Amino acid sequence: MTTRPVRFRRAALLALLAAACAAAAGAPLDPKARAAIEDFLLAQAAGAPGQVTVRVQNPTGALRACTALQPFLPRGVAAWGRLSVGVRCADERPWTRFLSAQVAVQGKYLAAARAIGAGQALGAADVLERSGDLTTLPRTVLTDPALAAGMVAANPIAPGAPLRSDLLRAPVVIRQGQVVRVVTEGAGFTLATEGRAVTQAAAGTAVQVRTAAGRLLTGTARPDGSVGL
């Protein structure tokens, strides 16, 4: 019985590890193809609230040469975070491949400066700005301080937690049973009457009002507590 030298076995193991790493890294992507895909993703992410960077991973197998490469996104996929981007070749021998990519958006977002209780209206001292990759945060995170001003916490919010639109609600401006002014505006005229709110409402939401004559109207609650028809 013969045994191979330890040095030989070690060299073979290192060669296998190198091959595995190379396979995991994928085949190098043609610079022109990479540039086309990155430019496409940057265009798709135009208007994002921050600085956009794109990274495209090498494919598991080399892409065939193509003179008419067309990047695209699968249906329902946005240029945001980790995603799969398609590349389609429109040459005489067409083909389609999908590559892994990441679109990062470095920008500012709002977070709670301190603990905020449920039902508490947010003031300037409750909000702070932080910076980070917005694609790692919930899509409902707020980036504009004006959107948080005067909002009310629907649930308790911990200090440092990102402020999200789904955790906030507009303050109630009309309460059930309240007497309100109902305004109808048209071209060159304004009519106003009074009624009693049947439901409560936040600014910009629907509210029902019953007039003194018993008529039930549906309008929109205004920030000043009146109702527009």
Protein backbone atom coordinates (compact mmCIF):
# COMPACT_ATOMS: atom_id res chain seq x y z
CA MET A 1 0.00 0.00 0.00
CA THR A 2 1.36 3.39 -0.96
CA THR A 3 0.47 6.79 0.44
CA ARG A 4 0.78 10.11 -1.29
CA PRO A 5 3.05 12.66 0.28
CA VAL A 6 1.35 15.12 2.64
CA ARG A 7 2.66 18.01 0.52
CA PHE A 8 0.91 16.60 -2.56
CA ARG A 9 -2.40 16.19 -0.74
CA ARG A 10 -2.15 19.74 0.62
CA ALA A 11 -1.48 21.13 -2.86
CA ALA A 12 -4.45 19.25 -4.26
CA LEU A 13 -6.70 20.60 -1.48
CA LEU A 14 -5.56 24.16 -2.11
CA ALA A 15 -6.25 23.72 -5.82
CA LEU A 16 -9.77 22.52 -5.07
CA LEU A 17 -10.38 25.47 -2.74
CA ALA A 18 -9.13 27.89 -5.38
CA ALA A 19 -11.42 26.35 -7.96
CA ALA A 20 -14.40 26.61 -5.60
CA CYS A 21 -13.64 30.27 -4.87
CA ALA A 22 -13.34 31.00 -8.58
CA ALA A 23 -16.68 29.33 -9.25
CA ALA A 24 -18.32 31.32 -6.46
CA ALA A 25 -16.86 34.57 -7.78
CA GLY A 26 -18.31 33.81 -11.22
CA ALA A 27 -17.00 34.55 -14.67
CA PRO A 28 -15.66 38.06 -15.26
CA LEU A 29 -18.27 40.33 -16.82
CA ASP A 30 -17.35 42.14 -20.02
CA PRO A 31 -16.66 45.83 -19.16
CA LYS A 32 -19.07 47.06 -21.84
CA ALA A 33 -21.82 44.76 -20.61
CA ARG A 34 -21.19 45.82 -17.01
CA ALA A 35 -21.33 49.50 -17.97
CA ALA A 36 -24.58 48.97 -19.90
CA ILE A 37 -26.23 47.22 -16.95
CA GLU A 38 -25.00 49.77 -14.41
CA ASP A 39 -26.16 52.70 -16.58
CA PHE A 40 -29.56 51.04 -16.95
CA LEU A 41 -29.97 50.57 -13.19
CA LEU A 42 -28.82 54.11 -12.49
CA ALA A 43 -31.44 55.40 -14.92
CA GLN A 44 -34.11 53.24 -13.28
CA ALA A 45 -33.17 54.62 -9.85
CA ALA A 46 -33.28 58.25 -11.02
CA GLY A 47 -35.17 60.39 -8.52
CA ALA A 48 -34.22 58.29 -5.51
CA PRO A 49 -33.82 60.41 -2.34
CA GLY A 50 -30.04 60.08 -2.08
CA GLN A 51 -26.79 59.14 -3.81
CA VAL A 52 -27.22 55.97 -5.86
CA THR A 53 -24.48 53.38 -6.33
CA VAL A 54 -24.78 50.16 -8.33
CA ARG A 55 -22.87 46.91 -8.02
CA VAL A 56 -23.38 44.04 -10.46
CA GLN A 57 -22.09 40.57 -9.56
CA ASN A 58 -20.25 38.39 -12.03
CA PRO A 59 -22.41 35.72 -13.69
CA THR A 60 -21.96 32.06 -12.77
CA GLY A 61 -21.01 31.41 -16.39
CA ALA A 62 -19.57 33.71 -19.03
CA LEU A 63 -22.08 35.61 -21.16
CA ARG A 64 -21.92 34.95 -24.88
CA ALA A 65 -20.71 37.86 -26.97
CA CYS A 66 -23.53 40.22 -27.97
CA THR A 67 -23.67 43.40 -30.03
CA ALA A 68 -27.19 44.39 -28.92
CA LEU A 69 -27.39 43.85 -25.16
CA GLN A 70 -30.65 44.99 -23.57
CA PRO A 71 -30.84 45.14 -19.75
CA PHE A 72 -34.31 44.91 -18.18
CA LEU A 73 -35.99 44.40 -14.85
CA PRO A 74 -38.44 41.55 -14.26
CA ARG A 75 -42.05 42.52 -13.73
CA GLY A 76 -42.62 43.95 -10.27
CA VAL A 77 -38.91 44.45 -9.52
CA ALA A 78 -37.68 47.97 -8.74
CA ALA A 79 -34.12 49.30 -8.84
CA TRP A 80 -33.82 49.19 -5.07
CA GLY A 81 -31.67 47.04 -2.78
CA ARG A 82 -30.69 43.50 -3.76
CA LEU A 83 -32.34 42.45 -6.99
CA SER A 84 -32.13 40.33 -10.12
CA VAL A 85 -31.54 42.21 -13.37
CA GLY A 86 -32.11 40.62 -16.75
CA VAL A 87 -29.92 40.98 -19.83
CA ARG A 88 -31.34 40.09 -23.22
CA CYS A 89 -29.32 39.70 -26.41
CA ALA A 90 -31.13 40.69 -29.59
CA ASP A 91 -28.55 39.24 -32.00
CA GLU A 92 -29.33 36.53 -34.56
CA ARG A 93 -28.87 33.96 -31.79
CA PRO A 94 -30.85 35.61 -28.96
CA TRP A 95 -30.36 34.68 -25.32
CA THR A 96 -31.47 35.92 -21.89
CA ARG A 97 -29.63 35.77 -18.58
CA PHE A 98 -30.27 37.09 -15.07
CA LEU A 99 -27.58 38.59 -12.85
CA SER A 100 -27.54 39.55 -9.19
CA ALA A 101 -27.09 43.24 -8.47
CA GLN A 102 -27.40 45.71 -5.63
CA VAL A 103 -28.65 49.28 -5.83
CA ALA A 104 -27.74 51.30 -2.73
CA VAL A 105 -29.16 54.74 -1.96
CA GLN A 106 -27.17 56.73 0.58
CA GLY A 107 -29.37 59.46 1.98
CA LYS A 108 -30.95 61.08 5.02
CA TYR A 109 -33.94 59.74 6.88
CA LEU A 110 -35.88 60.66 10.00
CA ALA A 111 -35.64 58.86 13.32
CA ALA A 112 -37.12 59.31 16.78
CA ALA A 113 -34.93 61.55 18.92
CA ARG A 114 -36.50 60.10 22.08
CA ALA A 115 -39.22 57.72 23.16
CA ILE A 116 -42.57 58.68 21.64
CA GLY A 117 -45.79 57.44 23.19
CA ALA A 118 -48.87 56.29 21.30
CA GLY A 119 -51.13 59.23 20.56
CA GLN A 120 -48.34 61.79 21.02
CA ALA A 121 -48.05 64.54 18.43
CA LEU A 122 -44.55 64.94 17.03
CA GLY A 123 -42.66 68.17 17.59
CA ALA A 124 -39.27 69.35 16.36
CA ALA A 125 -37.57 67.94 19.47
CA ASP A 126 -38.92 64.45 18.72
CA VAL A 127 -37.29 64.13 15.31
CA LEU A 128 -33.67 63.84 14.22
CA GLU A 129 -31.97 63.21 10.88
CA ARG A 130 -29.70 60.26 10.24
CA SER A 131 -27.81 59.03 7.19
CA GLY A 132 -27.60 55.53 5.81
CA ASP A 133 -28.47 53.18 2.99
CA LEU A 134 -32.19 53.76 2.54
CA THR A 135 -32.60 50.42 0.75
CA THR A 136 -31.91 48.61 4.04
CA LEU A 137 -34.82 50.42 5.72
CA PRO A 138 -38.58 49.96 5.28
CA ARG A 139 -39.90 51.70 2.16
CA THR A 140 -42.24 53.77 4.35
CA VAL A 141 -39.38 55.54 6.17
CA LEU A 142 -39.75 59.33 6.11
CA THR A 143 -37.05 61.48 4.51
CA ASP A 144 -38.77 64.88 4.57
CA PRO A 145 -39.18 66.62 7.98
CA ALA A 146 -42.30 68.38 6.69
CA LEU A 147 -44.07 65.02 6.45
CA ALA A 148 -43.55 64.35 10.16
CA ALA A 149 -44.58 67.77 11.49
CA GLY A 150 -47.78 67.55 13.51
CA MET A 151 -48.26 63.83 12.91
CA VAL A 152 -49.40 61.58 15.75
CA ALA A 153 -47.76 58.29 16.73
CA ALA A 154 -50.16 55.41 16.17
CA ASN A 155 -48.01 53.14 18.39
CA PRO A 156 -45.10 53.65 20.79
CA ILE A 157 -41.84 54.44 18.97
CA ALA A 158 -38.47 53.63 20.55
CA PRO A 159 -35.61 56.15 20.61
CA GLY A 160 -33.55 55.98 17.43
CA ALA A 161 -36.17 53.99 15.52
CA PRO A 162 -36.78 55.15 11.92
CA LEU A 163 -39.96 57.18 11.56
CA ARG A 164 -42.32 55.44 9.13
CA SER A 165 -45.51 56.69 7.58
CA ASP A 166 -47.30 53.49 8.61
CA LEU A 167 -46.50 54.23 12.27
CA LEU A 168 -47.95 57.74 12.14
CA ARG A 169 -51.37 59.23 11.49
CA ALA A 170 -52.66 62.69 10.86
CA PRO A 171 -54.17 64.44 13.89
CA VAL A 172 -57.94 64.40 14.27
CA VAL A 173 -59.38 67.82 13.35
CA ILE A 174 -63.08 66.93 13.52
CA ARG A 175 -64.64 64.84 16.27
CA GLN A 176 -67.95 63.02 16.25
CA GLY A 177 -70.79 65.27 17.36
CA GLN A 178 -68.85 68.46 16.73
CA VAL A 179 -70.63 71.37 15.02
CA VAL A 180 -68.72 72.18 11.85
CA ARG A 181 -68.85 74.66 9.02
CA VAL A 182 -69.66 73.06 5.66
CA VAL A 183 -68.32 74.95 2.66
CA THR A 184 -69.21 74.56 -1.00
CA GLU A 185 -67.04 76.46 -3.48
CA GLY A 186 -67.52 76.97 -7.17
CA ALA A 187 -66.67 79.38 -9.97
CA GLY A 188 -67.12 82.78 -8.37
CA PHE A 189 -69.21 81.67 -5.39
CA THR A 190 -68.92 80.21 -1.90
CA LEU A 191 -71.80 78.74 0.10
CA ALA A 192 -71.51 77.87 3.78
CA THR A 193 -73.79 76.19 6.25
CA GLU A 194 -73.50 74.36 9.56
CA GLY A 195 -73.87 70.72 10.40
CA ARG A 196 -72.97 68.17 13.02
CA ALA A 197 -70.19 65.64 12.36
CA VAL A 198 -71.42 62.05 12.31
CA THR A 199 -67.86 60.66 12.22
CA GLN A 200 -64.46 61.94 13.29
CA ALA A 201 -61.76 62.65 10.72
CA ALA A 202 -58.18 63.74 10.18
CA ALA A 203 -57.31 66.50 7.74
CA GLY A 204 -57.72 65.35 4.15
CA THR A 205 -59.95 62.39 4.97
CA ALA A 206 -63.66 61.86 4.37
CA VAL A 207 -66.18 62.91 7.00
CA GLN A 208 -69.97 62.68 7.18
CA VAL A 209 -72.03 65.64 8.35
CA ARG A 210 -75.76 65.89 9.06
CA THR A 211 -77.32 69.27 8.39
CA ALA A 212 -80.04 70.92 10.49
CA ALA A 213 -82.52 69.78 7.82
CA GLY A 214 -81.47 66.16 8.38
CA ARG A 215 -79.55 65.79 5.13
CA LEU A 216 -76.46 63.55 5.32
CA LEU A 217 -73.46 64.96 3.43
CA THR A 218 -70.00 63.53 2.81
CA GLY A 219 -67.09 65.94 2.47
CA THR A 220 -63.40 66.33 3.18
CA ALA A 221 -62.07 67.47 6.54
CA ARG A 222 -59.89 70.57 6.31
CA PRO A 223 -56.98 71.42 8.62
CA ASP A 224 -59.00 74.30 10.13
CA GLY A 225 -61.82 71.94 11.15
CA SER A 226 -64.25 72.90 8.41
CA VAL A 227 -65.65 70.51 5.79
CA GLY A 228 -65.29 71.01 2.05
CA LEU A 229 -67.80 69.60 -0.42
